[in-house]
PDB file of N, CA and C in Angstrom:
ATOM      1  N   MET A   1      10.229 -86.109 -85.303  1.00  0.00           N
ATOM      2  CA  MET A   1       9.219 -85.554 -84.422  1.00  0.00           C
ATOM      3  C   MET A   1       8.410 -84.521 -85.195  1.00  0.00           C
ATOM      4  N   SER A   2       7.109 -84.652 -85.151  1.00  0.00           N
ATOM      5  CA  SER A   2       6.249 -83.736 -85.886  1.00  0.00           C
ATOM      6  C   SER A   2       5.901 -82.516 -85.033  1.00  0.00           C
ATOM      7  N   THR A   3       5.484 -81.480 -85.694  1.00  0.00           N
ATOM      8  CA  THR A   3       5.084 -80.261 -85.008  1.00  0.00           C
ATOM      9  C   THR A   3       3.739 -80.492 -84.320  1.00  0.00           C
ATOM     10  N   PRO A   4       3.620 -80.123 -83.043  1.00  0.00           N
ATOM     11  CA  PRO A   4       2.344 -80.323 -82.356  1.00  0.00           C
ATOM     12  C   PRO A   4       1.272 -79.399 -82.924  1.00  0.00           C
ATOM     13  N   ARG A   5       0.076 -79.941 -83.028  1.00  0.00           N
ATOM     14  CA  ARG A   5      -1.064 -79.153 -83.512  1.00  0.00           C
ATOM     15  C   ARG A   5      -1.785 -78.604 -82.289  1.00  0.00           C
ATOM     16  N   MET A   6      -1.439 -77.388 -81.893  1.00  0.00           N
ATOM     17  CA  MET A   6      -1.999 -76.764 -80.706  1.00  0.00           C
ATOM     18  C   MET A   6      -3.305 -76.072 -81.066  1.00  0.00           C
ATOM     19  N   ARG A   7      -4.358 -76.378 -80.302  1.00  0.00           N
ATOM     20  CA  ARG A   7      -5.681 -75.840 -80.567  1.00  0.00           C
ATOM     21  C   ARG A   7      -6.356 -75.447 -79.258  1.00  0.00           C
ATOM     22  N   THR A   8      -7.283 -74.504 -79.338  1.00  0.00           N
ATOM     23  CA  THR A   8      -8.144 -74.216 -78.201  1.00  0.00           C
ATOM     24  C   THR A   8      -9.211 -75.307 -78.151  1.00  0.00           C
ATOM     25  N   ALA A   9      -9.968 -75.363 -77.073  1.00  0.00           N
ATOM     26  CA  ALA A   9     -10.997 -76.397 -76.941  1.00  0.00           C
ATOM     27  C   ALA A   9     -12.025 -76.334 -78.072  1.00  0.00           C
ATOM     28  N   PRO A  10     -12.566 -75.158 -78.428  1.00  0.00           N
ATOM     29  CA  PRO A  10     -13.534 -75.134 -79.529  1.00  0.00           C
ATOM     30  C   PRO A  10     -12.922 -75.533 -80.875  1.00  0.00           C
ATOM     31  N   GLU A  11     -11.670 -75.147 -81.103  1.00  0.00           N
ATOM     32  CA  GLU A  11     -11.013 -75.527 -82.357  1.00  0.00           C
ATOM     33  C   GLU A  11     -10.767 -77.033 -82.416  1.00  0.00           C
ATOM     34  N   ALA A  12     -10.394 -77.628 -81.282  1.00  0.00           N
ATOM     35  CA  ALA A  12     -10.157 -79.073 -81.241  1.00  0.00           C
ATOM     36  C   ALA A  12     -11.451 -79.842 -81.513  1.00  0.00           C
ATOM     37  N   VAL A  13     -12.544 -79.387 -80.927  1.00  0.00           N
ATOM     38  CA  VAL A  13     -13.829 -80.052 -81.148  1.00  0.00           C
ATOM     39  C   VAL A  13     -14.260 -79.880 -82.600  1.00  0.00           C
ATOM     40  N   ALA A  14     -14.007 -78.711 -83.191  1.00  0.00           N
ATOM     41  CA  ALA A  14     -14.356 -78.487 -84.601  1.00  0.00           C
ATOM     42  C   ALA A  14     -13.570 -79.434 -85.505  1.00  0.00           C
ATOM     43  N   GLU A  15     -12.297 -79.663 -85.194  1.00  0.00           N
ATOM     44  CA  GLU A  15     -11.498 -80.603 -85.989  1.00  0.00           C
ATOM     45  C   GLU A  15     -12.011 -82.026 -85.818  1.00  0.00           C
ATOM     46  N   LEU A  16     -12.406 -82.386 -84.588  1.00  0.00           N
ATOM     47  CA  LEU A  16     -12.971 -83.720 -84.365  1.00  0.00           C
ATOM     48  C   LEU A  16     -14.279 -83.895 -85.125  1.00  0.00           C
ATOM     49  N   LYS A  17     -15.106 -82.852 -85.148  1.00  0.00           N
ATOM     50  CA  LYS A  17     -16.366 -82.916 -85.891  1.00  0.00           C
ATOM     51  C   LYS A  17     -16.112 -83.032 -87.394  1.00  0.00           C
ATOM     52  N   ALA A  18     -15.003 -82.440 -87.890  1.00  0.00           N
ATOM     53  CA  ALA A  18     -14.662 -82.577 -89.305  1.00  0.00           C
ATOM     54  C   ALA A  18     -14.256 -84.015 -89.619  1.00  0.00           C
ATOM     55  N   LEU A  19     -13.550 -84.665 -88.673  1.00  0.00           N
ATOM     56  CA  LEU A  19     -13.144 -86.060 -88.863  1.00  0.00           C
ATOM     57  C   LEU A  19     -14.332 -87.009 -88.703  1.00  0.00           C
ATOM     58  N   ASP A  20     -15.184 -86.716 -87.715  1.00  0.00           N
ATOM     59  CA  ASP A  20     -16.342 -87.557 -87.418  1.00  0.00           C
ATOM     60  C   ASP A  20     -17.538 -86.658 -87.129  1.00  0.00           C
ATOM     61  N   PRO A  21     -18.378 -86.419 -88.117  1.00  0.00           N
ATOM     62  CA  PRO A  21     -19.508 -85.507 -87.918  1.00  0.00           C
ATOM     63  C   PRO A  21     -20.474 -85.934 -86.811  1.00  0.00           C
ATOM     64  N   ASN A  22     -20.515 -87.198 -86.463  1.00  0.00           N
ATOM     65  CA  ASN A  22     -21.425 -87.687 -85.429  1.00  0.00           C
ATOM     66  C   ASN A  22     -20.771 -87.768 -84.050  1.00  0.00           C
ATOM     67  N   SER A  23     -19.615 -87.154 -83.892  1.00  0.00           N
ATOM     68  CA  SER A  23     -18.911 -87.197 -82.614  1.00  0.00           C
ATOM     69  C   SER A  23     -19.742 -86.545 -81.521  1.00  0.00           C
ATOM     70  N   ALA A  24     -19.762 -87.173 -80.360  1.00  0.00           N
ATOM     71  CA  ALA A  24     -20.543 -86.661 -79.241  1.00  0.00           C
ATOM     72  C   ALA A  24     -19.698 -85.823 -78.284  1.00  0.00           C
ATOM     73  N   LEU A  25     -18.424 -85.652 -78.560  1.00  0.00           N
ATOM     74  CA  LEU A  25     -17.553 -84.886 -77.678  1.00  0.00           C
ATOM     75  C   LEU A  25     -17.888 -83.405 -77.784  1.00  0.00           C
ATOM     76  N   SER A  26     -18.039 -82.756 -76.636  1.00  0.00           N
ATOM     77  CA  SER A  26     -18.419 -81.348 -76.621  1.00  0.00           C
ATOM     78  C   SER A  26     -17.249 -80.490 -76.134  1.00  0.00           C
ATOM     79  N   VAL A  27     -17.385 -79.204 -76.341  1.00  0.00           N
ATOM     80  CA  VAL A  27     -16.378 -78.252 -75.870  1.00  0.00           C
ATOM     81  C   VAL A  27     -16.310 -78.312 -74.341  1.00  0.00           C
ATOM     82  N   ARG A  28     -17.452 -78.450 -73.711  1.00  0.00           N
ATOM     83  CA  ARG A  28     -17.485 -78.519 -72.245  1.00  0.00           C
ATOM     84  C   ARG A  28     -16.716 -79.730 -71.734  1.00  0.00           C
ATOM     85  N   ALA A  29     -16.846 -80.860 -72.399  1.00  0.00           N
ATOM     86  CA  ALA A  29     -16.132 -82.068 -71.978  1.00  0.00           C
ATOM     87  C   ALA A  29     -14.619 -81.878 -72.098  1.00  0.00           C
ATOM     88  N   VAL A  30     -14.182 -81.244 -73.180  1.00  0.00           N
ATOM     89  CA  VAL A  30     -12.748 -80.995 -73.361  1.00  0.00           C
ATOM     90  C   VAL A  30     -12.252 -80.041 -72.285  1.00  0.00           C
ATOM     91  N   ARG A  31     -13.030 -79.003 -71.993  1.00  0.00           N
ATOM     92  CA  ARG A  31     -12.625 -78.053 -70.948  1.00  0.00           C
ATOM     93  C   ARG A  31     -12.572 -78.718 -69.582  1.00  0.00           C
ATOM     94  N   GLN A  32     -13.485 -79.650 -69.308  1.00  0.00           N
ATOM     95  CA  GLN A  32     -13.449 -80.373 -68.035  1.00  0.00           C
ATOM     96  C   GLN A  32     -12.199 -81.240 -67.944  1.00  0.00           C
ATOM     97  N   MET A  33     -11.803 -81.857 -69.072  1.00  0.00           N
ATOM     98  CA  MET A  33     -10.571 -82.661 -69.065  1.00  0.00           C
ATOM     99  C   MET A  33      -9.353 -81.774 -68.817  1.00  0.00           C
ATOM    100  N   ILE A  34      -9.369 -80.560 -69.353  1.00  0.00           N
ATOM    101  CA  ILE A  34      -8.255 -79.628 -69.128  1.00  0.00           C
ATOM    102  C   ILE A  34      -8.230 -79.203 -67.665  1.00  0.00           C
ATOM    103  N   ASN A  35      -9.375 -78.791 -67.131  1.00  0.00           N
ATOM    104  CA  ASN A  35      -9.433 -78.287 -65.751  1.00  0.00           C
ATOM    105  C   ASN A  35      -9.158 -79.359 -64.714  1.00  0.00           C
ATOM    106  N   SER A  36      -9.494 -80.609 -65.014  1.00  0.00           N
ATOM    107  CA  SER A  36      -9.225 -81.692 -64.056  1.00  0.00           C
ATOM    108  C   SER A  36      -7.792 -82.195 -64.151  1.00  0.00           C
ATOM    109  N   GLY A  37      -7.069 -81.758 -65.174  1.00  0.00           N
ATOM    110  CA  GLY A  37      -5.675 -82.168 -65.312  1.00  0.00           C
ATOM    111  C   GLY A  37      -5.498 -83.436 -66.119  1.00  0.00           C
ATOM    112  N   ILE A  38      -6.568 -84.005 -66.649  1.00  0.00           N
ATOM    113  CA  ILE A  38      -6.453 -85.218 -67.469  1.00  0.00           C
ATOM    114  C   ILE A  38      -5.769 -84.897 -68.786  1.00  0.00           C
ATOM    115  N   LEU A  39      -6.095 -83.761 -69.363  1.00  0.00           N
ATOM    116  CA  LEU A  39      -5.542 -83.341 -70.639  1.00  0.00           C
ATOM    117  C   LEU A  39      -4.581 -82.191 -70.398  1.00  0.00           C
ATOM    118  N   PRO A  40      -3.281 -82.371 -70.703  1.00  0.00           N
ATOM    119  CA  PRO A  40      -2.327 -81.282 -70.465  1.00  0.00           C
ATOM    120  C   PRO A  40      -2.605 -80.103 -71.383  1.00  0.00           C
ATOM    121  N   ALA A  41      -2.423 -78.897 -70.844  1.00  0.00           N
ATOM    122  CA  ALA A  41      -2.676 -77.684 -71.605  1.00  0.00           C
ATOM    123  C   ALA A  41      -1.572 -76.668 -71.328  1.00  0.00           C
ATOM    124  N   VAL A  42      -1.368 -75.803 -72.303  1.00  0.00           N
ATOM    125  CA  VAL A  42      -0.406 -74.714 -72.187  1.00  0.00           C
ATOM    126  C   VAL A  42      -1.202 -73.419 -72.177  1.00  0.00           C
ATOM    127  N   THR A  43      -0.983 -72.589 -71.172  1.00  0.00           N
ATOM    128  CA  THR A  43      -1.696 -71.321 -71.090  1.00  0.00           C
ATOM    129  C   THR A  43      -0.897 -70.247 -71.804  1.00  0.00           C
ATOM    130  N   VAL A  44      -1.549 -69.587 -72.760  1.00  0.00           N
ATOM    131  CA  VAL A  44      -0.947 -68.482 -73.501  1.00  0.00           C
ATOM    132  C   VAL A  44      -1.912 -67.313 -73.388  1.00  0.00           C
ATOM    133  N   GLY A  45      -1.562 -66.343 -72.568  1.00  0.00           N
ATOM    134  CA  GLY A  45      -2.487 -65.243 -72.309  1.00  0.00           C
ATOM    135  C   GLY A  45      -3.698 -65.767 -71.572  1.00  0.00           C
ATOM    136  N   ASN A  46      -4.875 -65.562 -72.156  1.00  0.00           N
ATOM    137  CA  ASN A  46      -6.112 -66.078 -71.553  1.00  0.00           C
ATOM    138  C   ASN A  46      -6.537 -67.407 -72.147  1.00  0.00           C
ATOM    139  N   LYS A  47      -5.795 -67.892 -73.133  1.00  0.00           N
ATOM    140  CA  LYS A  47      -6.174 -69.128 -73.819  1.00  0.00           C
ATOM    141  C   LYS A  47      -5.447 -70.325 -73.234  1.00  0.00           C
ATOM    142  N   LYS A  48      -6.123 -71.455 -73.253  1.00  0.00           N
ATOM    143  CA  LYS A  48      -5.492 -72.729 -72.906  1.00  0.00           C
ATOM    144  C   LYS A  48      -5.428 -73.543 -74.178  1.00  0.00           C
ATOM    145  N   LEU A  49      -4.217 -73.889 -74.589  1.00  0.00           N
ATOM    146  CA  LEU A  49      -4.013 -74.643 -75.817  1.00  0.00           C
ATOM    147  C   LEU A  49      -3.710 -76.093 -75.483  1.00  0.00           C
ATOM    148  N   ILE A  50      -4.312 -77.006 -76.250  1.00  0.00           N
ATOM    149  CA  ILE A  50      -4.059 -78.431 -76.066  1.00  0.00           C
ATOM    150  C   ILE A  50      -3.444 -78.977 -77.346  1.00  0.00           C
ATOM    151  N   ASN A  51      -2.686 -80.040 -77.191  1.00  0.00           N
ATOM    152  CA  ASN A  51      -2.096 -80.709 -78.337  1.00  0.00           C
ATOM    153  C   ASN A  51      -3.162 -81.647 -78.915  1.00  0.00           C
ATOM    154  N   LEU A  52      -3.588 -81.362 -80.129  1.00  0.00           N
ATOM    155  CA  LEU A  52      -4.645 -82.149 -80.761  1.00  0.00           C
ATOM    156  C   LEU A  52      -4.215 -83.603 -80.946  1.00  0.00           C
ATOM    157  N   ASN A  53      -2.932 -83.827 -81.196  1.00  0.00           N
ATOM    158  CA  ASN A  53      -2.432 -85.197 -81.370  1.00  0.00           C
ATOM    159  C   ASN A  53      -2.613 -86.012 -80.084  1.00  0.00           C
ATOM    160  N   ILE A  54      -2.351 -85.395 -78.929  1.00  0.00           N
ATOM    161  CA  ILE A  54      -2.517 -86.093 -77.649  1.00  0.00           C
ATOM    162  C   ILE A  54      -3.990 -86.392 -77.401  1.00  0.00           C
ATOM    163  N   LEU A  55      -4.860 -85.436 -77.717  1.00  0.00           N
ATOM    164  CA  LEU A  55      -6.300 -85.659 -77.546  1.00  0.00           C
ATOM    165  C   LEU A  55      -6.777 -86.819 -78.407  1.00  0.00           C
ATOM    166  N   LEU A  56      -6.327 -86.868 -79.664  1.00  0.00           N
ATOM    167  CA  LEU A  56      -6.736 -87.957 -80.559  1.00  0.00           C
ATOM    168  C   LEU A  56      -6.210 -89.302 -80.073  1.00  0.00           C
ATOM    169  N   GLU A  57      -4.966 -89.342 -79.586  1.00  0.00           N
ATOM    170  CA  GLU A  57      -4.408 -90.587 -79.053  1.00  0.00           C
ATOM    171  C   GLU A  57      -5.187 -91.039 -77.819  1.00  0.00           C
ATOM    172  N   TYR A  58      -5.571 -90.095 -76.971  1.00  0.00           N
ATOM    173  CA  TYR A  58      -6.342 -90.424 -75.771  1.00  0.00           C
ATOM    174  C   TYR A  58      -7.714 -90.989 -76.154  1.00  0.00           C
ATOM    175  N   LEU A  59      -8.362 -90.372 -77.120  1.00  0.00           N
ATOM    176  CA  LEU A  59      -9.683 -90.830 -77.529  1.00  0.00           C
ATOM    177  C   LEU A  59      -9.625 -92.172 -78.257  1.00  0.00           C
ATOM    178  N   ASN A  60      -8.509 -92.458 -78.937  1.00  0.00           N
ATOM    179  CA  ASN A  60      -8.338 -93.741 -79.618  1.00  0.00           C
ATOM    180  C   ASN A  60      -7.907 -94.853 -78.663  1.00  0.00           C
ATOM    181  N   GLY A  61      -7.582 -94.505 -77.422  1.00  0.00           N
ATOM    182  CA  GLY A  61      -7.136 -95.494 -76.452  1.00  0.00           C
ATOM    183  C   GLY A  61      -5.662 -95.828 -76.569  1.00  0.00           C
ATOM    184  N   GLU A  62      -4.918 -95.043 -77.342  1.00  0.00           N
ATOM    185  CA  GLU A  62      -3.491 -95.296 -77.525  1.00  0.00           C
ATOM    186  C   GLU A  62      -2.655 -94.694 -76.403  1.00  0.00           C
ATOM    187  N   ARG A  63      -3.222 -93.769 -75.676  1.00  0.00           N
ATOM    188  CA  ARG A  63      -2.486 -93.083 -74.617  1.00  0.00           C
ATOM    189  C   ARG A  63      -3.375 -93.013 -73.384  1.00  0.00           C
ATOM    190  N   GLU A  64      -2.783 -93.281 -72.232  1.00  0.00           N
ATOM    191  CA  GLU A  64      -3.524 -93.191 -70.985  1.00  0.00           C
ATOM    192  C   GLU A  64      -3.021 -91.978 -70.226  1.00  0.00           C
ATOM    193  N   LEU A  65      -3.912 -91.076 -69.929  1.00  0.00           N
ATOM    194  CA  LEU A  65      -3.547 -89.860 -69.217  1.00  0.00           C
ATOM    195  C   LEU A  65      -4.075 -89.941 -67.796  1.00  0.00           C
ATOM    196  N   THR A  66      -3.250 -89.513 -66.852  1.00  0.00           N
ATOM    197  CA  THR A  66      -3.670 -89.520 -65.455  1.00  0.00           C
ATOM    198  C   THR A  66      -3.818 -88.082 -64.984  1.00  0.00           C
ATOM    199  N   PRO A  67      -4.818 -87.816 -64.179  1.00  0.00           N
ATOM    200  CA  PRO A  67      -5.011 -86.446 -63.702  1.00  0.00           C
ATOM    201  C   PRO A  67      -3.898 -86.020 -62.769  1.00  0.00           C
ATOM    202  N   THR A  68      -3.503 -84.777 -62.913  1.00  0.00           N
ATOM    203  CA  THR A  68      -2.511 -84.217 -62.003  1.00  0.00           C
ATOM    204  C   THR A  68      -3.260 -83.488 -60.907  1.00  0.00           C
ATOM    205  N   SER A  69      -2.978 -83.839 -59.680  1.00  0.00           N
ATOM    206  CA  SER A  69      -3.676 -83.201 -58.564  1.00  0.00           C
ATOM    207  C   SER A  69      -2.657 -82.630 -57.595  1.00  0.00           C
ATOM    208  N   SER A  70      -3.054 -81.597 -56.949  1.00  0.00           N
ATOM    209  CA  SER A  70      -2.208 -80.974 -55.951  1.00  0.00           C
ATOM    210  C   SER A  70      -2.348 -81.736 -54.637  1.00  0.00           C
ATOM    211  N   PRO A  71      -1.241 -82.123 -54.003  1.00  0.00           N
ATOM    212  CA  PRO A  71      -1.346 -82.874 -52.750  1.00  0.00           C
ATOM    213  C   PRO A  71      -1.913 -82.037 -51.612  1.00  0.00           C
ATOM    214  N   GLU A  72      -1.881 -80.714 -51.721  1.00  0.00           N
ATOM    215  CA  GLU A  72      -2.356 -79.841 -50.661  1.00  0.00           C
ATOM    216  C   GLU A  72      -3.811 -79.426 -50.836  1.00  0.00           C
ATOM    217  N   TYR A  73      -4.442 -79.813 -51.913  1.00  0.00           N
ATOM    218  CA  TYR A  73      -5.811 -79.381 -52.164  1.00  0.00           C
ATOM    219  C   TYR A  73      -6.761 -80.041 -51.182  1.00  0.00           C
ATOM    220  N   GLY A  74      -7.592 -79.249 -50.539  1.00  0.00           N
ATOM    221  CA  GLY A  74      -8.589 -79.778 -49.622  1.00  0.00           C
ATOM    222  C   GLY A  74      -8.094 -80.036 -48.217  1.00  0.00           C
ATOM    223  N   LYS A  75      -6.848 -79.677 -47.939  1.00  0.00           N
ATOM    224  CA  LYS A  75      -6.296 -79.892 -46.592  1.00  0.00           C
ATOM    225  C   LYS A  75      -6.130 -78.564 -45.887  1.00  0.00           C
ATOM    226  N   ILE A  76      -6.195 -78.604 -44.580  1.00  0.00           N
ATOM    227  CA  ILE A  76      -5.942 -77.406 -43.784  1.00  0.00           C
ATOM    228  C   ILE A  76      -4.450 -77.232 -43.646  1.00  0.00           C
ATOM    229  N   ARG A  77      -3.965 -76.034 -43.978  1.00  0.00           N
ATOM    230  CA  ARG A  77      -2.521 -75.768 -43.930  1.00  0.00           C
ATOM    231  C   ARG A  77      -2.215 -74.796 -42.802  1.00  0.00           C
ATOM    232  N   ARG A  78      -1.096 -74.991 -42.185  1.00  0.00           N
ATOM    233  CA  ARG A  78      -0.653 -74.124 -41.091  1.00  0.00           C
ATOM    234  C   ARG A  78      -0.197 -72.784 -41.667  1.00  0.00           C
ATOM    235  N   ILE A  79      -0.614 -71.706 -41.039  1.00  0.00           N
ATOM    236  CA  ILE A  79      -0.159 -70.371 -41.421  1.00  0.00           C
ATOM    237  C   ILE A  79       1.085 -70.067 -40.620  1.00  0.00           C
ATOM    238  N   GLY A  80       2.093 -69.626 -41.346  1.00  0.00           N
ATOM    239  CA  GLY A  80       3.183 -69.294 -40.502  1.00  0.00           C
ATOM    240  C   GLY A  80       4.495 -69.241 -41.041  1.00  0.00           C
TER     241      GLY A  80
END
């Protein structure tokens, strides 16, 4: 098992641009994938770190990620 390459969204995009200078993936797109739950992230302080290996596998089509959603989101809940 290899050590995960944990990066912030801007660092991950910079590494992707180093691999493929014509990449169209933006920092905003990576952040949207994190916030929607498609891309798992670890929060450390104020930073959200993603595993660069998982991002690369997802972009290569080797891994399928499903969004994690809260079952209670958008529903009226009883107070009490």
